[in-house]
Amino acid sequence: MKTTLKSLTVATALAGAVGMAAALTAAPALAADGVKCFGVAKAGENDCAAGNHSCKGHSTADYSGQDWKMVEDAGKCMEMGGKQAAFEGMNEKAKMMKDG
């Protein structure tokens, strides 16, 4: 009886550990909806950066090719004139779209 209870306890603990590992592995995939699109964020509205500051909300220039914002897909990024990799300068197409 003691051996059966011990085996059951070990099996339950193992199943719990496997379940937790699976949940932790799935989390990053859920957080990564969309694509990073460089050159489409107004100053202070970026999601992160490629170099000149620490991160979210710290951009100081509109539509900088060094800052990115998460968008739904690559097509939307291209439509706004953005790129999926950092680039030098400003995204003129996004500036024209936003400023009229």
PDB file of N, CA and C in Angstrom:
ATOM      1  N   MET A   1       0.826  -1.195   0.000  1.00  0.00           N
ATOM      2  CA  MET A   1       0.000   0.000   0.000  1.00  0.00           C
ATOM      3  C   MET A   1       0.868   1.255   0.000  1.00  0.00           C
ATOM      4  N   LYS A   2       1.935   1.251   0.798  1.00  0.00           N
ATOM      5  CA  LYS A   2       2.826   2.389   0.879  1.00  0.00           C
ATOM      6  C   LYS A   2       3.484   2.677  -0.470  1.00  0.00           C
ATOM      7  N   THR A   3       3.901   1.637  -1.178  1.00  0.00           N
ATOM      8  CA  THR A   3       4.552   1.786  -2.473  1.00  0.00           C
ATOM      9  C   THR A   3       3.582   2.376  -3.498  1.00  0.00           C
ATOM     10  N   THR A   4       2.336   1.956  -3.497  1.00  0.00           N
ATOM     11  CA  THR A   4       1.348   2.462  -4.441  1.00  0.00           C
ATOM     12  C   THR A   4       1.095   3.947  -4.207  1.00  0.00           C
ATOM     13  N   LEU A   5       0.954   4.365  -2.955  1.00  0.00           N
ATOM     14  CA  LEU A   5       0.734   5.767  -2.623  1.00  0.00           C
ATOM     15  C   LEU A   5       1.930   6.616  -3.036  1.00  0.00           C
ATOM     16  N   LYS A   6       3.140   6.101  -2.790  1.00  0.00           N
ATOM     17  CA  LYS A   6       4.356   6.813  -3.168  1.00  0.00           C
ATOM     18  C   LYS A   6       4.436   6.944  -4.694  1.00  0.00           C
ATOM     19  N   SER A   7       4.119   5.894  -5.421  1.00  0.00           N
ATOM     20  CA  SER A   7       4.143   5.922  -6.890  1.00  0.00           C
ATOM     21  C   SER A   7       3.120   6.915  -7.424  1.00  0.00           C
ATOM     22  N   LEU A   8       1.945   6.950  -6.808  1.00  0.00           N
ATOM     23  CA  LEU A   8       0.898   7.875  -7.224  1.00  0.00           C
ATOM     24  C   LEU A   8       1.326   9.324  -6.993  1.00  0.00           C
ATOM     25  N   THR A   9       1.974   9.583  -5.871  1.00  0.00           N
ATOM     26  CA  THR A   9       2.446  10.922  -5.548  1.00  0.00           C
ATOM     27  C   THR A   9       3.513  11.376  -6.544  1.00  0.00           C
ATOM     28  N   VAL A  10       4.443  10.500  -6.861  1.00  0.00           N
ATOM     29  CA  VAL A  10       5.498  10.818  -7.817  1.00  0.00           C
ATOM     30  C   VAL A  10       4.889  11.063  -9.202  1.00  0.00           C
ATOM     31  N   ALA A  11       3.952  10.238  -9.614  1.00  0.00           N
ATOM     32  CA  ALA A  11       3.320  10.391 -10.924  1.00  0.00           C
ATOM     33  C   ALA A  11       2.546  11.705 -11.008  1.00  0.00           C
ATOM     34  N   THR A  12       1.864  12.071  -9.946  1.00  0.00           N
ATOM     35  CA  THR A  12       1.112  13.328  -9.913  1.00  0.00           C
ATOM     36  C   THR A  12       2.059  14.528  -9.990  1.00  0.00           C
ATOM     37  N   ALA A  13       3.147  14.476  -9.256  1.00  0.00           N
ATOM     38  CA  ALA A  13       4.124  15.561  -9.280  1.00  0.00           C
ATOM     39  C   ALA A  13       4.751  15.698 -10.670  1.00  0.00           C
ATOM     40  N   LEU A  14       5.064  14.582 -11.278  1.00  0.00           N
ATOM     41  CA  LEU A  14       5.658  14.595 -12.610  1.00  0.00           C
ATOM     42  C   LEU A  14       4.681  15.176 -13.638  1.00  0.00           C
ATOM     43  N   ALA A  15       3.427  14.779 -13.564  1.00  0.00           N
ATOM     44  CA  ALA A  15       2.416  15.295 -14.485  1.00  0.00           C
ATOM     45  C   ALA A  15       2.253  16.812 -14.310  1.00  0.00           C
ATOM     46  N   GLY A  16       2.288  17.277 -13.092  1.00  0.00           N
ATOM     47  CA  GLY A  16       2.185  18.713 -12.831  1.00  0.00           C
ATOM     48  C   GLY A  16       3.366  19.475 -13.401  1.00  0.00           C
ATOM     49  N   ALA A  17       4.563  18.926 -13.251  1.00  0.00           N
ATOM     50  CA  ALA A  17       5.762  19.584 -13.773  1.00  0.00           C
ATOM     51  C   ALA A  17       5.730  19.652 -15.301  1.00  0.00           C
ATOM     52  N   VAL A  18       5.292  18.583 -15.937  1.00  0.00           N
ATOM     53  CA  VAL A  18       5.196  18.563 -17.400  1.00  0.00           C
ATOM     54  C   VAL A  18       4.157  19.580 -17.868  1.00  0.00           C
ATOM     55  N   GLY A  19       3.048  19.656 -17.185  1.00  0.00           N
ATOM     56  CA  GLY A  19       2.007  20.622 -17.535  1.00  0.00           C
ATOM     57  C   GLY A  19       2.490  22.054 -17.394  1.00  0.00           C
ATOM     58  N   MET A  20       3.221  22.349 -16.343  1.00  0.00           N
ATOM     59  CA  MET A  20       3.753  23.699 -16.144  1.00  0.00           C
ATOM     60  C   MET A  20       4.771  24.044 -17.225  1.00  0.00           C
ATOM     61  N   ALA A  21       5.614  23.110 -17.581  1.00  0.00           N
ATOM     62  CA  ALA A  21       6.619  23.348 -18.627  1.00  0.00           C
ATOM     63  C   ALA A  21       5.943  23.642 -19.955  1.00  0.00           C
ATOM     64  N   ALA A  22       4.902  22.919 -20.272  1.00  0.00           N
ATOM     65  CA  ALA A  22       4.173  23.142 -21.525  1.00  0.00           C
ATOM     66  C   ALA A  22       3.531  24.526 -21.538  1.00  0.00           C
ATOM     67  N   ALA A  23       2.978  24.952 -20.427  1.00  0.00           N
ATOM     68  CA  ALA A  23       2.341  26.267 -20.341  1.00  0.00           C
ATOM     69  C   ALA A  23       3.368  27.387 -20.489  1.00  0.00           C
ATOM     70  N   LEU A  24       4.534  27.223 -19.887  1.00  0.00           N
ATOM     71  CA  LEU A  24       5.577  28.240 -19.989  1.00  0.00           C
ATOM     72  C   LEU A  24       6.141  28.318 -21.396  1.00  0.00           C
ATOM     73  N   THR A  25       6.226  27.215 -22.070  1.00  0.00           N
ATOM     74  CA  THR A  25       6.748  27.198 -23.430  1.00  0.00           C
ATOM     75  C   THR A  25       5.780  27.879 -24.384  1.00  0.00           C
ATOM     76  N   ALA A  26       4.499  27.749 -24.183  1.00  0.00           N
ATOM     77  CA  ALA A  26       3.497  28.331 -25.081  1.00  0.00           C
ATOM     78  C   ALA A  26       3.365  29.843 -24.908  1.00  0.00           C
ATOM     79  N   ALA A  27       3.706  30.379 -23.753  1.00  0.00           N
ATOM     80  CA  ALA A  27       3.509  31.798 -23.479  1.00  0.00           C
ATOM     81  C   ALA A  27       4.197  32.730 -24.468  1.00  0.00           C
ATOM     82  N   PRO A  28       5.485  32.543 -24.819  1.00  0.00           N
ATOM     83  CA  PRO A  28       6.098  33.470 -25.757  1.00  0.00           C
ATOM     84  C   PRO A  28       5.415  33.494 -27.117  1.00  0.00           C
ATOM     85  N   ALA A  29       4.915  32.378 -27.573  1.00  0.00           N
ATOM     86  CA  ALA A  29       4.242  32.345 -28.869  1.00  0.00           C
ATOM     87  C   ALA A  29       2.987  33.210 -28.841  1.00  0.00           C
ATOM     88  N   LEU A  30       2.264  33.208 -27.740  1.00  0.00           N
ATOM     89  CA  LEU A  30       1.060  34.015 -27.638  1.00  0.00           C
ATOM     90  C   LEU A  30       1.390  35.499 -27.598  1.00  0.00           C
ATOM     91  N   ALA A  31       2.517  35.861 -26.987  1.00  0.00           N
ATOM     92  CA  ALA A  31       2.895  37.259 -26.868  1.00  0.00           C
ATOM     93  C   ALA A  31       3.430  37.820 -28.177  1.00  0.00           C
ATOM     94  N   ALA A  32       3.770  36.975 -29.105  1.00  0.00           N
ATOM     95  CA  ALA A  32       4.413  37.416 -30.343  1.00  0.00           C
ATOM     96  C   ALA A  32       3.429  37.590 -31.497  1.00  0.00           C
ATOM     97  N   ASP A  33       2.193  37.944 -31.230  1.00  0.00           N
ATOM     98  CA  ASP A  33       1.237  38.193 -32.312  1.00  0.00           C
ATOM     99  C   ASP A  33       1.692  39.405 -33.110  1.00  0.00           C
ATOM    100  N   GLY A  34       1.784  39.265 -34.405  1.00  0.00           N
ATOM    101  CA  GLY A  34       2.190  40.359 -35.262  1.00  0.00           C
ATOM    102  C   GLY A  34       3.664  40.324 -35.600  1.00  0.00           C
ATOM    103  N   VAL A  35       4.139  41.413 -36.215  1.00  0.00           N
ATOM    104  CA  VAL A  35       5.537  41.533 -36.597  1.00  0.00           C
ATOM    105  C   VAL A  35       6.069  42.900 -36.167  1.00  0.00           C
ATOM    106  N   LYS A  36       7.382  42.958 -35.929  1.00  0.00           N
ATOM    107  CA  LYS A  36       8.031  44.232 -35.631  1.00  0.00           C
ATOM    108  C   LYS A  36       8.130  45.004 -36.935  1.00  0.00           C
ATOM    109  N   CYS A  37       7.661  46.239 -36.916  1.00  0.00           N
ATOM    110  CA  CYS A  37       7.693  47.070 -38.112  1.00  0.00           C
ATOM    111  C   CYS A  37       8.442  48.363 -37.782  1.00  0.00           C
ATOM    112  N   PHE A  38       9.630  48.511 -38.365  1.00  0.00           N
ATOM    113  CA  PHE A  38      10.465  49.678 -38.113  1.00  0.00           C
ATOM    114  C   PHE A  38      10.024  50.852 -38.972  1.00  0.00           C
ATOM    115  N   GLY A  39      10.032  52.039 -38.387  1.00  0.00           N
ATOM    116  CA  GLY A  39       9.750  53.261 -39.126  1.00  0.00           C
ATOM    117  C   GLY A  39       8.290  53.678 -39.167  1.00  0.00           C
ATOM    118  N   VAL A  40       7.439  53.105 -38.331  1.00  0.00           N
ATOM    119  CA  VAL A  40       6.015  53.461 -38.385  1.00  0.00           C
ATOM    120  C   VAL A  40       5.492  54.095 -37.097  1.00  0.00           C
ATOM    121  N   ALA A  41       6.355  54.291 -36.118  1.00  0.00           N
ATOM    122  CA  ALA A  41       5.909  54.839 -34.833  1.00  0.00           C
ATOM    123  C   ALA A  41       6.203  56.330 -34.728  1.00  0.00           C
ATOM    124  N   LYS A  42       5.244  57.064 -34.194  1.00  0.00           N
ATOM    125  CA  LYS A  42       5.484  58.469 -33.878  1.00  0.00           C
ATOM    126  C   LYS A  42       6.344  58.521 -32.618  1.00  0.00           C
ATOM    127  N   ALA A  43       6.973  59.660 -32.378  1.00  0.00           N
ATOM    128  CA  ALA A  43       7.810  59.841 -31.190  1.00  0.00           C
ATOM    129  C   ALA A  43       7.020  59.487 -29.936  1.00  0.00           C
ATOM    130  N   GLY A  44       7.618  58.673 -29.093  1.00  0.00           N
ATOM    131  CA  GLY A  44       6.999  58.271 -27.838  1.00  0.00           C
ATOM    132  C   GLY A  44       5.965  57.172 -27.959  1.00  0.00           C
ATOM    133  N   GLU A  45       5.695  56.685 -29.166  1.00  0.00           N
ATOM    134  CA  GLU A  45       4.686  55.645 -29.359  1.00  0.00           C
ATOM    135  C   GLU A  45       5.283  54.332 -29.863  1.00  0.00           C
ATOM    136  N   ASN A  46       6.601  54.196 -29.780  1.00  0.00           N
ATOM    137  CA  ASN A  46       7.257  52.970 -30.230  1.00  0.00           C
ATOM    138  C   ASN A  46       7.081  51.845 -29.220  1.00  0.00           C
ATOM    139  N   ASP A  47       7.160  50.606 -29.711  1.00  0.00           N
ATOM    140  CA  ASP A  47       7.104  49.451 -28.814  1.00  0.00           C
ATOM    141  C   ASP A  47       8.493  49.097 -28.313  1.00  0.00           C
ATOM    142  N   CYS A  48       9.515  49.360 -29.105  1.00  0.00           N
ATOM    143  CA  CYS A  48      10.890  49.167 -28.643  1.00  0.00           C
ATOM    144  C   CYS A  48      11.849  49.805 -29.626  1.00  0.00           C
ATOM    145  N   ALA A  49      13.146  49.530 -29.460  1.00  0.00           N
ATOM    146  CA  ALA A  49      14.147  50.243 -30.252  1.00  0.00           C
ATOM    147  C   ALA A  49      15.264  49.349 -30.737  1.00  0.00           C
ATOM    148  N   ALA A  50      16.016  49.876 -31.677  1.00  0.00           N
ATOM    149  CA  ALA A  50      17.160  49.151 -32.212  1.00  0.00           C
ATOM    150  C   ALA A  50      18.478  49.741 -31.750  1.00  0.00           C
ATOM    151  N   GLY A  51      18.471  50.841 -31.034  1.00  0.00           N
ATOM    152  CA  GLY A  51      19.778  51.324 -30.654  1.00  0.00           C
ATOM    153  C   GLY A  51      19.910  52.583 -29.832  1.00  0.00           C
ATOM    154  N   ASN A  52      19.188  53.636 -30.100  1.00  0.00           N
ATOM    155  CA  ASN A  52      19.493  54.924 -29.494  1.00  0.00           C
ATOM    156  C   ASN A  52      18.821  55.212 -28.146  1.00  0.00           C
ATOM    157  N   HIS A  53      18.073  54.271 -27.588  1.00  0.00           N
ATOM    158  CA  HIS A  53      17.459  54.441 -26.269  1.00  0.00           C
ATOM    159  C   HIS A  53      17.064  53.085 -25.715  1.00  0.00           C
ATOM    160  N   SER A  54      16.518  53.064 -24.517  1.00  0.00           N
ATOM    161  CA  SER A  54      16.289  51.787 -23.846  1.00  0.00           C
ATOM    162  C   SER A  54      15.073  51.006 -24.323  1.00  0.00           C
ATOM    163  N   CYS A  55      13.946  51.635 -24.590  1.00  0.00           N
ATOM    164  CA  CYS A  55      12.824  50.821 -25.075  1.00  0.00           C
ATOM    165  C   CYS A  55      11.520  51.575 -25.234  1.00  0.00           C
ATOM    166  N   LYS A  56      10.422  50.905 -24.904  1.00  0.00           N
ATOM    167  CA  LYS A  56       9.060  51.361 -25.179  1.00  0.00           C
ATOM    168  C   LYS A  56       8.795  52.809 -24.765  1.00  0.00           C
ATOM    169  N   GLY A  57       8.272  53.566 -25.730  1.00  0.00           N
ATOM    170  CA  GLY A  57       7.867  54.931 -25.461  1.00  0.00           C
ATOM    171  C   GLY A  57       9.004  55.937 -25.383  1.00  0.00           C
ATOM    172  N   HIS A  58      10.235  55.531 -25.679  1.00  0.00           N
ATOM    173  CA  HIS A  58      11.374  56.425 -25.530  1.00  0.00           C
ATOM    174  C   HIS A  58      11.851  57.060 -26.834  1.00  0.00           C
ATOM    175  N   SER A  59      11.206  56.770 -27.940  1.00  0.00           N
ATOM    176  CA  SER A  59      11.667  57.368 -29.202  1.00  0.00           C
ATOM    177  C   SER A  59      11.442  58.874 -29.170  1.00  0.00           C
ATOM    178  N   THR A  60      12.345  59.600 -29.794  1.00  0.00           N
ATOM    179  CA  THR A  60      12.246  61.062 -29.807  1.00  0.00           C
ATOM    180  C   THR A  60      11.967  61.609 -31.205  1.00  0.00           C
ATOM    181  N   ALA A  61      11.942  60.726 -32.206  1.00  0.00           N
ATOM    182  CA  ALA A  61      11.702  61.164 -33.582  1.00  0.00           C
ATOM    183  C   ALA A  61      10.542  60.382 -34.191  1.00  0.00           C
ATOM    184  N   ASP A  62       9.710  61.059 -34.948  1.00  0.00           N
ATOM    185  CA  ASP A  62       8.620  60.386 -35.655  1.00  0.00           C
ATOM    186  C   ASP A  62       9.171  59.497 -36.760  1.00  0.00           C
ATOM    187  N   TYR A  63       8.630  58.301 -36.886  1.00  0.00           N
ATOM    188  CA  TYR A  63       8.870  57.373 -37.993  1.00  0.00           C
ATOM    189  C   TYR A  63      10.337  57.030 -38.214  1.00  0.00           C
ATOM    190  N   SER A  64      11.104  56.980 -37.133  1.00  0.00           N
ATOM    191  CA  SER A  64      12.525  56.636 -37.208  1.00  0.00           C
ATOM    192  C   SER A  64      12.696  55.174 -37.627  1.00  0.00           C
ATOM    193  N   GLY A  65      13.630  54.933 -38.498  1.00  0.00           N
ATOM    194  CA  GLY A  65      13.941  53.571 -38.931  1.00  0.00           C
ATOM    195  C   GLY A  65      14.634  52.769 -37.853  1.00  0.00           C
ATOM    196  N   GLN A  66      14.970  53.386 -36.735  1.00  0.00           N
ATOM    197  CA  GLN A  66      15.611  52.693 -35.622  1.00  0.00           C
ATOM    198  C   GLN A  66      14.612  52.197 -34.580  1.00  0.00           C
ATOM    199  N   ASP A  67      13.361  52.612 -34.676  1.00  0.00           N
ATOM    200  CA  ASP A  67      12.336  52.239 -33.697  1.00  0.00           C
ATOM    201  C   ASP A  67      11.242  51.424 -34.360  1.00  0.00           C
ATOM    202  N   TRP A  68      10.683  50.479 -33.598  1.00  0.00           N
ATOM    203  CA  TRP A  68       9.637  49.642 -34.174  1.00  0.00           C
ATOM    204  C   TRP A  68       8.366  49.661 -33.350  1.00  0.00           C
ATOM    205  N   LYS A  69       7.298  49.284 -34.027  1.00  0.00           N
ATOM    206  CA  LYS A  69       5.979  49.139 -33.423  1.00  0.00           C
ATOM    207  C   LYS A  69       5.421  47.810 -33.930  1.00  0.00           C
ATOM    208  N   MET A  70       4.740  47.075 -33.098  1.00  0.00           N
ATOM    209  CA  MET A  70       4.154  45.800 -33.497  1.00  0.00           C
ATOM    210  C   MET A  70       2.929  46.064 -34.367  1.00  0.00           C
ATOM    211  N   VAL A  71       2.874  45.418 -35.535  1.00  0.00           N
ATOM    212  CA  VAL A  71       1.722  45.511 -36.431  1.00  0.00           C
ATOM    213  C   VAL A  71       1.233  44.095 -36.728  1.00  0.00           C
ATOM    214  N   GLU A  72       0.030  43.986 -37.295  1.00  0.00           N
ATOM    215  CA  GLU A  72      -0.599  42.673 -37.447  1.00  0.00           C
ATOM    216  C   GLU A  72       0.139  41.697 -38.358  1.00  0.00           C
ATOM    217  N   ASP A  73       0.736  42.190 -39.453  1.00  0.00           N
ATOM    218  CA  ASP A  73       1.446  41.271 -40.347  1.00  0.00           C
ATOM    219  C   ASP A  73       2.405  42.036 -41.253  1.00  0.00           C
ATOM    220  N   ALA A  74       3.214  41.307 -42.014  1.00  0.00           N
ATOM    221  CA  ALA A  74       4.211  41.912 -42.889  1.00  0.00           C
ATOM    222  C   ALA A  74       3.563  42.787 -43.958  1.00  0.00           C
ATOM    223  N   GLY A  75       2.403  42.388 -44.446  1.00  0.00           N
ATOM    224  CA  GLY A  75       1.707  43.179 -45.460  1.00  0.00           C
ATOM    225  C   GLY A  75       1.334  44.554 -44.953  1.00  0.00           C
ATOM    226  N   LYS A  76       0.841  44.631 -43.735  1.00  0.00           N
ATOM    227  CA  LYS A  76       0.469  45.917 -43.129  1.00  0.00           C
ATOM    228  C   LYS A  76       1.706  46.788 -42.945  1.00  0.00           C
ATOM    229  N   CYS A  77       2.810  46.176 -42.550  1.00  0.00           N
ATOM    230  CA  CYS A  77       4.058  46.908 -42.371  1.00  0.00           C
ATOM    231  C   CYS A  77       4.495  47.529 -43.697  1.00  0.00           C
ATOM    232  N   MET A  78       4.486  46.737 -44.745  1.00  0.00           N
ATOM    233  CA  MET A  78       4.883  47.232 -46.069  1.00  0.00           C
ATOM    234  C   MET A  78       3.938  48.325 -46.557  1.00  0.00           C
ATOM    235  N   GLU A  79       2.649  48.153 -46.312  1.00  0.00           N
ATOM    236  CA  GLU A  79       1.638  49.134 -46.719  1.00  0.00           C
ATOM    237  C   GLU A  79       1.922  50.510 -46.109  1.00  0.00           C
ATOM    238  N   MET A  80       2.434  50.510 -44.878  1.00  0.00           N
ATOM    239  CA  MET A  80       2.739  51.762 -44.182  1.00  0.00           C
ATOM    240  C   MET A  80       4.142  52.274 -44.516  1.00  0.00           C
ATOM    241  N   GLY A  81       4.860  51.553 -45.370  1.00  0.00           N
ATOM    242  CA  GLY A  81       6.200  51.974 -45.756  1.00  0.00           C
ATOM    243  C   GLY A  81       7.276  51.554 -44.781  1.00  0.00           C
ATOM    244  N   GLY A  82       6.912  50.714 -43.809  1.00  0.00           N
ATOM    245  CA  GLY A  82       7.880  50.247 -42.824  1.00  0.00           C
ATOM    246  C   GLY A  82       8.692  49.067 -43.337  1.00  0.00           C
ATOM    247  N   LYS A  83       9.647  48.665 -42.525  1.00  0.00           N
ATOM    248  CA  LYS A  83      10.505  47.520 -42.850  1.00  0.00           C
ATOM    249  C   LYS A  83      10.600  46.626 -41.628  1.00  0.00           C
ATOM    250  N   GLN A  84      10.900  45.360 -41.845  1.00  0.00           N
ATOM    251  CA  GLN A  84      11.001  44.419 -40.737  1.00  0.00           C
ATOM    252  C   GLN A  84      12.403  44.358 -40.147  1.00  0.00           C
ATOM    253  N   ALA A  85      13.270  45.244 -40.572  1.00  0.00           N
ATOM    254  CA  ALA A  85      14.613  45.375 -40.010  1.00  0.00           C
ATOM    255  C   ALA A  85      14.904  46.862 -39.842  1.00  0.00           C
ATOM    256  N   ALA A  86      15.734  47.190 -38.861  1.00  0.00           N
ATOM    257  CA  ALA A  86      16.083  48.589 -38.617  1.00  0.00           C
ATOM    258  C   ALA A  86      16.771  49.173 -39.847  1.00  0.00           C
ATOM    259  N   PHE A  87      16.554  50.466 -40.069  1.00  0.00           N
ATOM    260  CA  PHE A  87      17.192  51.149 -41.188  1.00  0.00           C
ATOM    261  C   PHE A  87      17.536  52.572 -40.779  1.00  0.00           C
ATOM    262  N   GLU A  88      18.425  53.191 -41.521  1.00  0.00           N
ATOM    263  CA  GLU A  88      18.833  54.566 -41.251  1.00  0.00           C
ATOM    264  C   GLU A  88      17.780  55.532 -41.791  1.00  0.00           C
ATOM    265  N   GLY A  89      17.588  56.622 -41.102  1.00  0.00           N
ATOM    266  CA  GLY A  89      16.703  57.668 -41.580  1.00  0.00           C
ATOM    267  C   GLY A  89      15.263  57.522 -41.127  1.00  0.00           C
ATOM    268  N   MET A  90      14.385  58.163 -41.887  1.00  0.00           N
ATOM    269  CA  MET A  90      12.968  58.240 -41.547  1.00  0.00           C
ATOM    270  C   MET A  90      12.122  57.598 -42.642  1.00  0.00           C
ATOM    271  N   ASN A  91      11.006  57.042 -42.241  1.00  0.00           N
ATOM    272  CA  ASN A  91      10.042  56.482 -43.179  1.00  0.00           C
ATOM    273  C   ASN A  91       9.185  57.630 -43.719  1.00  0.00           C
ATOM    274  N   GLU A  92       9.502  58.093 -44.906  1.00  0.00           N
ATOM    275  CA  GLU A  92       8.789  59.228 -45.501  1.00  0.00           C
ATOM    276  C   GLU A  92       7.325  58.890 -45.818  1.00  0.00           C
ATOM    277  N   LYS A  93       7.051  57.643 -46.217  1.00  0.00           N
ATOM    278  CA  LYS A  93       5.681  57.252 -46.559  1.00  0.00           C
ATOM    279  C   LYS A  93       4.770  57.350 -45.327  1.00  0.00           C
ATOM    280  N   ALA A  94       5.220  56.871 -44.186  1.00  0.00           N
ATOM    281  CA  ALA A  94       4.413  56.949 -42.960  1.00  0.00           C
ATOM    282  C   ALA A  94       4.194  58.400 -42.568  1.00  0.00           C
ATOM    283  N   LYS A  95       5.221  59.215 -42.715  1.00  0.00           N
ATOM    284  CA  LYS A  95       5.104  60.635 -42.382  1.00  0.00           C
ATOM    285  C   LYS A  95       4.024  61.288 -43.265  1.00  0.00           C
ATOM    286  N   MET A  96       4.049  60.994 -44.557  1.00  0.00           N
ATOM    287  CA  MET A  96       3.071  61.574 -45.469  1.00  0.00           C
ATOM    288  C   MET A  96       1.651  61.069 -45.166  1.00  0.00           C
ATOM    289  N   MET A  97       1.526  59.780 -44.815  1.00  0.00           N
ATOM    290  CA  MET A  97       0.212  59.214 -44.495  1.00  0.00           C
ATOM    291  C   MET A  97      -0.375  59.876 -43.249  1.00  0.00           C
ATOM    292  N   LYS A  98       0.437  60.096 -42.246  1.00  0.00           N
ATOM    293  CA  LYS A  98      -0.045  60.645 -40.970  1.00  0.00           C
ATOM    294  C   LYS A  98      -0.240  62.158 -41.027  1.00  0.00           C
ATOM    295  N   ASP A  99       0.639  62.839 -41.726  1.00  0.00           N
ATOM    296  CA  ASP A  99       0.584  64.303 -41.758  1.00  0.00           C
ATOM    297  C   ASP A  99      -0.287  64.859 -42.876  1.00  0.00           C
ATOM    298  N   GLY A 100      -0.705  63.968 -43.772  1.00  0.00           N
ATOM    299  CA  GLY A 100      -1.595  64.393 -44.836  1.00  0.00           C
ATOM    300  C   GLY A 100      -0.840  64.877 -45.981  1.00  0.00           C
TER     301      GLY A 100
END
